[in-house]
Amino acid sequence: MILQKTRLWLTLYFIVTAIHLDAIAMRLHMLQNVTKALLMPLLALYLLSAIRHLRPAIFRNLLLTALFFSWAGDILLIQEQYFLPGLGSFLLAHLAYIGFFLKVRYTNHPLPLCKYPFIFLTEIVVLAFLFFMLPYLGSMRIPVIIYAVAISFTLLCAMHAFRLGEQPMGWYCIAGAILFICSDAAIAVQHFYRSLPAAGIFIMTTYCLAQWAITEGSCRYLKSRVKA
């Protein structure tokens, strides 16, 4: 029964995602807004259904915090004038994800090894993108830089949270963090540089897959702790 309910929430999440993408393509703004507001609550219900009774609760609470601030960011970004508060809300979401991955890393024994080449590669890519975007950011320069640093740390923390050879569920989280960066990079280009064809569909496809992948990988890891 619990497994069926868990699958139901996840199925509903992907159905609403598909409807949302169709609404973007057909420019049905009201339907876009309604479905966008439903996405993170459905993913949170999937998360709660999958790991409701797992302890310690700090893991679950950090993930729920990330989804809550992501939901708040989704709502705020519906209106252009709330771009900065929306960015701030997503910053808090990434801080919660960073807290989750650090918690996983430092309760994971033996401790996962540092992957220095990936650290340098990630930061080089982020810095190159920022240098490209800087002339176009105007008064938003500092907030965007802070956010870019935070999202790069989400990826780095996901990379270093798991022993990937033994814990392949970590790849879900890494893929999710990479997709999140792709989504946010497209938002930055669209908002500050130039309009992109089918930008809304690309942004929301990568975003919805990112949130699912991080949640899925996290749930699989937390379930594996119980079995171990």
C-alpha atoms as a PDB file:
ATOM      1  CA  MET A   1       0.000   0.000   0.000  1.00  0.00           C
ATOM      2  CA  ILE A   2       2.796   2.433   0.942  1.00  0.00           C
ATOM      3  CA  LEU A   3       4.705   1.528  -2.225  1.00  0.00           C
ATOM      4  CA  GLN A   4       1.599   2.165  -4.359  1.00  0.00           C
ATOM      5  CA  LYS A   5       1.089   5.584  -2.751  1.00  0.00           C
ATOM      6  CA  THR A   6       4.739   6.444  -3.290  1.00  0.00           C
ATOM      7  CA  ARG A   7       4.467   5.553  -6.980  1.00  0.00           C
ATOM      8  CA  LEU A   8       1.236   7.544  -7.223  1.00  0.00           C
ATOM      9  CA  TRP A   9       2.872  10.788  -6.048  1.00  0.00           C
ATOM     10  CA  LEU A  10       5.789  10.309  -8.433  1.00  0.00           C
ATOM     11  CA  THR A  11       3.462   9.498 -11.340  1.00  0.00           C
ATOM     12  CA  LEU A  12       1.419  12.622 -10.579  1.00  0.00           C
ATOM     13  CA  TYR A  13       4.619  14.671 -10.479  1.00  0.00           C
ATOM     14  CA  PHE A  14       5.588  13.607 -13.992  1.00  0.00           C
ATOM     15  CA  ILE A  15       2.031  14.017 -15.291  1.00  0.00           C
ATOM     16  CA  VAL A  16       1.887  17.580 -13.944  1.00  0.00           C
ATOM     17  CA  THR A  17       5.375  18.212 -15.382  1.00  0.00           C
ATOM     18  CA  ALA A  18       4.167  17.090 -18.816  1.00  0.00           C
ATOM     19  CA  ILE A  19       1.039  19.278 -18.563  1.00  0.00           C
ATOM     20  CA  HIS A  20       3.189  22.213 -17.481  1.00  0.00           C
ATOM     21  CA  LEU A  21       5.519  21.808 -20.465  1.00  0.00           C
ATOM     22  CA  ASP A  22       2.529  21.566 -22.815  1.00  0.00           C
ATOM     23  CA  ALA A  23       1.104  24.730 -21.248  1.00  0.00           C
ATOM     24  CA  ILE A  24       4.395  26.544 -21.921  1.00  0.00           C
ATOM     25  CA  ALA A  25       4.398  25.364 -25.529  1.00  0.00           C
ATOM     26  CA  MET A  26       0.774  26.480 -26.025  1.00  0.00           C
ATOM     27  CA  ARG A  27       1.270  29.712 -24.010  1.00  0.00           C
ATOM     28  CA  LEU A  28      -1.516  28.897 -21.568  1.00  0.00           C
ATOM     29  CA  HIS A  29      -0.292  31.155 -18.799  1.00  0.00           C
ATOM     30  CA  MET A  30      -2.898  30.331 -16.160  1.00  0.00           C
ATOM     31  CA  LEU A  31      -2.315  26.593 -16.583  1.00  0.00           C
ATOM     32  CA  GLN A  32       1.446  27.196 -16.459  1.00  0.00           C
ATOM     33  CA  ASN A  33       1.116  28.976 -13.127  1.00  0.00           C
ATOM     34  CA  VAL A  34      -1.195  26.363 -11.583  1.00  0.00           C
ATOM     35  CA  THR A  35       0.931  23.393 -12.619  1.00  0.00           C
ATOM     36  CA  LYS A  36       4.138  25.143 -11.590  1.00  0.00           C
ATOM     37  CA  ALA A  37       2.724  25.670  -8.106  1.00  0.00           C
ATOM     38  CA  LEU A  38       1.905  21.939  -7.834  1.00  0.00           C
ATOM     39  CA  LEU A  39       5.311  20.531  -8.796  1.00  0.00           C
ATOM     40  CA  MET A  40       7.316  20.823  -5.582  1.00  0.00           C
ATOM     41  CA  PRO A  41       4.406  19.874  -3.261  1.00  0.00           C
ATOM     42  CA  LEU A  42       3.941  16.650  -5.270  1.00  0.00           C
ATOM     43  CA  LEU A  43       7.658  15.889  -5.061  1.00  0.00           C
ATOM     44  CA  ALA A  44       7.570  16.597  -1.313  1.00  0.00           C
ATOM     45  CA  LEU A  45       4.669  14.152  -0.922  1.00  0.00           C
ATOM     46  CA  TYR A  46       6.679  11.553  -2.843  1.00  0.00           C
ATOM     47  CA  LEU A  47       9.624  12.168  -0.533  1.00  0.00           C
ATOM     48  CA  LEU A  48       7.493  11.899   2.609  1.00  0.00           C
ATOM     49  CA  SER A  49       5.825   8.733   1.359  1.00  0.00           C
ATOM     50  CA  ALA A  50       9.180   7.138   0.505  1.00  0.00           C
ATOM     51  CA  ILE A  51      11.131   7.932   3.688  1.00  0.00           C
ATOM     52  CA  ARG A  52       8.488   8.962   6.237  1.00  0.00           C
ATOM     53  CA  HIS A  53       9.749   6.779   9.082  1.00  0.00           C
ATOM     54  CA  LEU A  54      13.503   6.936   8.453  1.00  0.00           C
ATOM     55  CA  ARG A  55      15.708   8.352  11.186  1.00  0.00           C
ATOM     56  CA  PRO A  56      17.428  10.657  11.910  1.00  0.00           C
ATOM     57  CA  ALA A  57      14.839  13.155  10.705  1.00  0.00           C
ATOM     58  CA  ILE A  58      17.476  15.790   9.871  1.00  0.00           C
ATOM     59  CA  PHE A  59      18.038  14.224   6.436  1.00  0.00           C
ATOM     60  CA  ARG A  60      14.338  14.382   5.555  1.00  0.00           C
ATOM     61  CA  ASN A  61      13.930  17.868   7.003  1.00  0.00           C
ATOM     62  CA  LEU A  62      16.810  19.299   4.965  1.00  0.00           C
ATOM     63  CA  LEU A  63      15.335  17.861   1.766  1.00  0.00           C
ATOM     64  CA  LEU A  64      11.871  19.183   2.619  1.00  0.00           C
ATOM     65  CA  THR A  65      13.385  22.603   3.357  1.00  0.00           C
ATOM     66  CA  ALA A  66      15.051  22.600  -0.065  1.00  0.00           C
ATOM     67  CA  LEU A  67      11.778  21.683  -1.761  1.00  0.00           C
ATOM     68  CA  PHE A  68       9.857  24.304   0.225  1.00  0.00           C
ATOM     69  CA  PHE A  69      12.180  27.144  -0.777  1.00  0.00           C
ATOM     70  CA  SER A  70      12.213  25.834  -4.355  1.00  0.00           C
ATOM     71  CA  TRP A  71       8.414  26.006  -4.319  1.00  0.00           C
ATOM     72  CA  ALA A  72       8.543  29.552  -2.932  1.00  0.00           C
ATOM     73  CA  GLY A  73      11.034  30.467  -5.651  1.00  0.00           C
ATOM     74  CA  ASP A  74       8.762  28.974  -8.309  1.00  0.00           C
ATOM     75  CA  ILE A  75       5.864  31.118  -7.092  1.00  0.00           C
ATOM     76  CA  LEU A  76       7.930  34.299  -6.841  1.00  0.00           C
ATOM     77  CA  LEU A  77       9.461  33.916 -10.306  1.00  0.00           C
ATOM     78  CA  ILE A  78       6.019  33.856 -11.900  1.00  0.00           C
ATOM     79  CA  GLN A  79       6.143  37.663 -11.592  1.00  0.00           C
ATOM     80  CA  GLU A  80       9.126  39.435 -13.168  1.00  0.00           C
ATOM     81  CA  GLN A  81       9.297  42.034 -10.389  1.00  0.00           C
ATOM     82  CA  TYR A  82       9.994  39.313  -7.831  1.00  0.00           C
ATOM     83  CA  PHE A  83      13.101  38.013  -9.594  1.00  0.00           C
ATOM     84  CA  LEU A  84      15.459  38.972  -6.739  1.00  0.00           C
ATOM     85  CA  PRO A  85      13.295  37.460  -3.936  1.00  0.00           C
ATOM     86  CA  GLY A  86      12.885  34.377  -6.129  1.00  0.00           C
ATOM     87  CA  LEU A  87      16.640  34.132  -6.536  1.00  0.00           C
ATOM     88  CA  GLY A  88      17.027  34.484  -2.763  1.00  0.00           C
ATOM     89  CA  SER A  89      14.525  31.701  -2.172  1.00  0.00           C
ATOM     90  CA  PHE A  90      16.410  29.357  -4.488  1.00  0.00           C
ATOM     91  CA  LEU A  91      19.640  30.331  -2.722  1.00  0.00           C
ATOM     92  CA  LEU A  92      18.113  29.076   0.536  1.00  0.00           C
ATOM     93  CA  ALA A  93      17.033  25.890  -1.266  1.00  0.00           C
ATOM     94  CA  HIS A  94      20.610  25.269  -2.367  1.00  0.00           C
ATOM     95  CA  LEU A  95      21.921  25.923   1.129  1.00  0.00           C
ATOM     96  CA  ALA A  96      19.544  23.208   2.358  1.00  0.00           C
ATOM     97  CA  TYR A  97      20.766  20.820  -0.354  1.00  0.00           C
ATOM     98  CA  ILE A  98      24.366  21.640   0.561  1.00  0.00           C
ATOM     99  CA  GLY A  99      23.557  20.906   4.216  1.00  0.00           C
ATOM    100  CA  PHE A 100      22.013  17.581   3.203  1.00  0.00           C
ATOM    101  CA  PHE A 101      24.990  16.486   1.106  1.00  0.00           C
ATOM    102  CA  LEU A 102      27.469  17.524   3.792  1.00  0.00           C
ATOM    103  CA  LYS A 103      25.445  15.546   6.338  1.00  0.00           C
ATOM    104  CA  VAL A 104      25.561  12.518   4.033  1.00  0.00           C
ATOM    105  CA  ARG A 105      29.307  12.897   3.500  1.00  0.00           C
ATOM    106  CA  TYR A 106      30.251  13.169   7.155  1.00  0.00           C
ATOM    107  CA  THR A 107      28.018  10.283   8.259  1.00  0.00           C
ATOM    108  CA  ASN A 108      29.238   8.111   5.384  1.00  0.00           C
ATOM    109  CA  HIS A 109      31.949   5.665   6.473  1.00  0.00           C
ATOM    110  CA  PRO A 110      34.542   5.409   5.166  1.00  0.00           C
ATOM    111  CA  LEU A 111      34.621   9.058   4.136  1.00  0.00           C
ATOM    112  CA  PRO A 112      34.371   9.558   0.335  1.00  0.00           C
ATOM    113  CA  LEU A 113      37.630  10.722  -1.239  1.00  0.00           C
ATOM    114  CA  CYS A 114      38.047  14.274  -2.533  1.00  0.00           C
ATOM    115  CA  LYS A 115      37.822  14.540  -6.323  1.00  0.00           C
ATOM    116  CA  TYR A 116      40.148  17.478  -6.984  1.00  0.00           C
ATOM    117  CA  PRO A 117      40.010  17.412 -10.831  1.00  0.00           C
ATOM    118  CA  PHE A 118      36.215  17.752 -10.657  1.00  0.00           C
ATOM    119  CA  ILE A 119      36.499  20.617  -8.162  1.00  0.00           C
ATOM    120  CA  PHE A 120      38.765  22.573 -10.508  1.00  0.00           C
ATOM    121  CA  LEU A 121      36.694  21.735 -13.610  1.00  0.00           C
ATOM    122  CA  THR A 122      33.431  22.803 -11.953  1.00  0.00           C
ATOM    123  CA  GLU A 123      34.819  26.114 -10.744  1.00  0.00           C
ATOM    124  CA  ILE A 124      36.490  26.860 -14.089  1.00  0.00           C
ATOM    125  CA  VAL A 125      33.175  26.359 -15.905  1.00  0.00           C
ATOM    126  CA  VAL A 126      31.262  28.504 -13.379  1.00  0.00           C
ATOM    127  CA  LEU A 127      33.880  31.279 -13.474  1.00  0.00           C
ATOM    128  CA  ALA A 128      33.955  31.269 -17.282  1.00  0.00           C
ATOM    129  CA  PHE A 129      30.174  31.620 -17.394  1.00  0.00           C
ATOM    130  CA  LEU A 130      30.237  34.443 -14.841  1.00  0.00           C
ATOM    131  CA  PHE A 131      32.928  36.350 -16.738  1.00  0.00           C
ATOM    132  CA  PHE A 132      30.827  36.003 -19.887  1.00  0.00           C
ATOM    133  CA  MET A 133      27.683  37.261 -18.136  1.00  0.00           C
ATOM    134  CA  LEU A 134      29.198  40.037 -15.994  1.00  0.00           C
ATOM    135  CA  PRO A 135      28.796  42.866 -18.559  1.00  0.00           C
ATOM    136  CA  TYR A 136      25.066  42.137 -18.765  1.00  0.00           C
ATOM    137  CA  LEU A 137      24.178  41.721 -15.072  1.00  0.00           C
ATOM    138  CA  GLY A 138      24.078  45.373 -14.038  1.00  0.00           C
ATOM    139  CA  SER A 139      22.839  45.880 -10.474  1.00  0.00           C
ATOM    140  CA  MET A 140      22.230  42.134 -10.135  1.00  0.00           C
ATOM    141  CA  ARG A 141      25.944  41.347 -10.378  1.00  0.00           C
ATOM    142  CA  ILE A 142      26.529  40.545  -6.694  1.00  0.00           C
ATOM    143  CA  PRO A 143      23.343  38.475  -6.131  1.00  0.00           C
ATOM    144  CA  VAL A 144      24.023  36.416  -9.276  1.00  0.00           C
ATOM    145  CA  ILE A 145      27.644  35.773  -8.294  1.00  0.00           C
ATOM    146  CA  ILE A 146      26.595  34.654  -4.802  1.00  0.00           C
ATOM    147  CA  TYR A 147      23.943  32.368  -6.286  1.00  0.00           C
ATOM    148  CA  ALA A 148      26.369  30.922  -8.847  1.00  0.00           C
ATOM    149  CA  VAL A 149      28.862  30.095  -6.105  1.00  0.00           C
ATOM    150  CA  ALA A 150      26.115  28.414  -4.070  1.00  0.00           C
ATOM    151  CA  ILE A 151      24.848  26.264  -6.934  1.00  0.00           C
ATOM    152  CA  SER A 152      28.404  25.201  -7.819  1.00  0.00           C
ATOM    153  CA  PHE A 153      28.824  24.115  -4.195  1.00  0.00           C
ATOM    154  CA  THR A 154      25.638  22.063  -4.467  1.00  0.00           C
ATOM    155  CA  LEU A 155      27.258  20.109  -7.299  1.00  0.00           C
ATOM    156  CA  LEU A 156      30.599  19.783  -5.503  1.00  0.00           C
ATOM    157  CA  CYS A 157      28.929  18.597  -2.300  1.00  0.00           C
ATOM    158  CA  ALA A 158      26.869  16.054  -4.262  1.00  0.00           C
ATOM    159  CA  MET A 159      30.076  14.786  -5.891  1.00  0.00           C
ATOM    160  CA  HIS A 160      31.738  14.326  -2.513  1.00  0.00           C
ATOM    161  CA  ALA A 161      28.811  12.963  -0.498  1.00  0.00           C
ATOM    162  CA  PHE A 162      28.857   9.405  -1.871  1.00  0.00           C
ATOM    163  CA  ARG A 163      31.299   6.578  -2.505  1.00  0.00           C
ATOM    164  CA  LEU A 164      30.049   6.272  -6.057  1.00  0.00           C
ATOM    165  CA  GLY A 165      31.445   2.786  -6.694  1.00  0.00           C
ATOM    166  CA  GLU A 166      29.409   1.385  -3.798  1.00  0.00           C
ATOM    167  CA  GLN A 167      26.607   3.974  -3.747  1.00  0.00           C
ATOM    168  CA  PRO A 168      25.541   4.489  -7.379  1.00  0.00           C
ATOM    169  CA  MET A 169      22.445   6.393  -6.223  1.00  0.00           C
ATOM    170  CA  GLY A 170      24.840   9.316  -5.831  1.00  0.00           C
ATOM    171  CA  TRP A 171      24.881   9.662  -9.615  1.00  0.00           C
ATOM    172  CA  TYR A 172      21.220  10.687  -9.479  1.00  0.00           C
ATOM    173  CA  CYS A 173      22.136  13.582  -7.172  1.00  0.00           C
ATOM    174  CA  ILE A 174      25.125  14.601  -9.292  1.00  0.00           C
ATOM    175  CA  ALA A 175      23.023  14.513 -12.467  1.00  0.00           C
ATOM    176  CA  GLY A 176      20.345  16.549 -10.692  1.00  0.00           C
ATOM    177  CA  ALA A 177      22.841  19.194  -9.605  1.00  0.00           C
ATOM    178  CA  ILE A 178      24.246  19.437 -13.152  1.00  0.00           C
ATOM    179  CA  LEU A 179      20.734  19.780 -14.611  1.00  0.00           C
ATOM    180  CA  PHE A 180      19.973  22.471 -12.012  1.00  0.00           C
ATOM    181  CA  ILE A 181      23.020  24.423 -13.188  1.00  0.00           C
ATOM    182  CA  CYS A 182      21.916  24.039 -16.828  1.00  0.00           C
ATOM    183  CA  SER A 183      18.440  25.307 -15.961  1.00  0.00           C
ATOM    184  CA  ASP A 184      19.725  28.304 -14.012  1.00  0.00           C
ATOM    185  CA  ALA A 185      22.319  29.146 -16.678  1.00  0.00           C
ATOM    186  CA  ALA A 186      19.514  29.254 -19.253  1.00  0.00           C
ATOM    187  CA  ILE A 187      17.474  31.521 -16.947  1.00  0.00           C
ATOM    188  CA  ALA A 188      20.453  33.879 -16.614  1.00  0.00           C
ATOM    189  CA  VAL A 189      21.025  34.014 -20.378  1.00  0.00           C
ATOM    190  CA  GLN A 190      17.303  34.508 -21.052  1.00  0.00           C
ATOM    191  CA  HIS A 191      16.875  37.169 -18.363  1.00  0.00           C
ATOM    192  CA  PHE A 192      20.067  39.195 -18.807  1.00  0.00           C
ATOM    193  CA  TYR A 193      21.559  38.487 -22.237  1.00  0.00           C
ATOM    194  CA  ARG A 194      19.140  37.505 -25.005  1.00  0.00           C
ATOM    195  CA  SER A 195      15.947  35.583 -25.617  1.00  0.00           C
ATOM    196  CA  LEU A 196      16.435  31.919 -26.471  1.00  0.00           C
ATOM    197  CA  PRO A 197      14.132  29.788 -28.630  1.00  0.00           C
ATOM    198  CA  ALA A 198      12.043  27.387 -26.530  1.00  0.00           C
ATOM    199  CA  ALA A 199      13.832  28.680 -23.421  1.00  0.00           C
ATOM    200  CA  GLY A 200      10.860  28.074 -21.132  1.00  0.00           C
ATOM    201  CA  ILE A 201      10.581  24.420 -22.112  1.00  0.00           C
ATOM    202  CA  PHE A 202      14.322  23.833 -21.726  1.00  0.00           C
ATOM    203  CA  ILE A 203      14.455  25.629 -18.367  1.00  0.00           C
ATOM    204  CA  MET A 204      11.512  23.760 -16.869  1.00  0.00           C
ATOM    205  CA  THR A 205      12.456  20.358 -18.325  1.00  0.00           C
ATOM    206  CA  THR A 206      15.949  20.516 -16.840  1.00  0.00           C
ATOM    207  CA  TYR A 207      14.608  21.975 -13.590  1.00  0.00           C
ATOM    208  CA  CYS A 208      11.917  19.320 -13.070  1.00  0.00           C
ATOM    209  CA  LEU A 209      14.345  16.508 -13.903  1.00  0.00           C
ATOM    210  CA  ALA A 210      16.937  18.078 -11.581  1.00  0.00           C
ATOM    211  CA  GLN A 211      14.599  18.199  -8.597  1.00  0.00           C
ATOM    212  CA  TRP A 212      13.399  14.644  -9.248  1.00  0.00           C
ATOM    213  CA  ALA A 213      16.939  13.280  -9.662  1.00  0.00           C
ATOM    214  CA  ILE A 214      18.199  14.841  -6.425  1.00  0.00           C
ATOM    215  CA  THR A 215      15.122  13.619  -4.534  1.00  0.00           C
ATOM    216  CA  GLU A 216      15.312  10.133  -6.069  1.00  0.00           C
ATOM    217  CA  GLY A 217      19.011   9.690  -5.343  1.00  0.00           C
ATOM    218  CA  SER A 218      18.565  10.980  -1.801  1.00  0.00           C
ATOM    219  CA  CYS A 219      15.648   8.631  -1.113  1.00  0.00           C
ATOM    220  CA  ARG A 220      17.584   5.636  -2.450  1.00  0.00           C
ATOM    221  CA  TYR A 221      20.559   6.524  -0.272  1.00  0.00           C
ATOM    222  CA  LEU A 222      18.476   6.936   2.871  1.00  0.00           C
ATOM    223  CA  LYS A 223      16.732   3.612   2.232  1.00  0.00           C
ATOM    224  CA  SER A 224      20.112   1.928   1.804  1.00  0.00           C
ATOM    225  CA  ARG A 225      21.158   3.173   5.258  1.00  0.00           C
ATOM    226  CA  VAL A 226      18.266   1.225   6.786  1.00  0.00           C
ATOM    227  CA  LYS A 227      19.202  -1.976   4.931  1.00  0.00           C
ATOM    228  CA  ALA A 228      22.884  -1.714   5.828  1.00  0.00           C
END
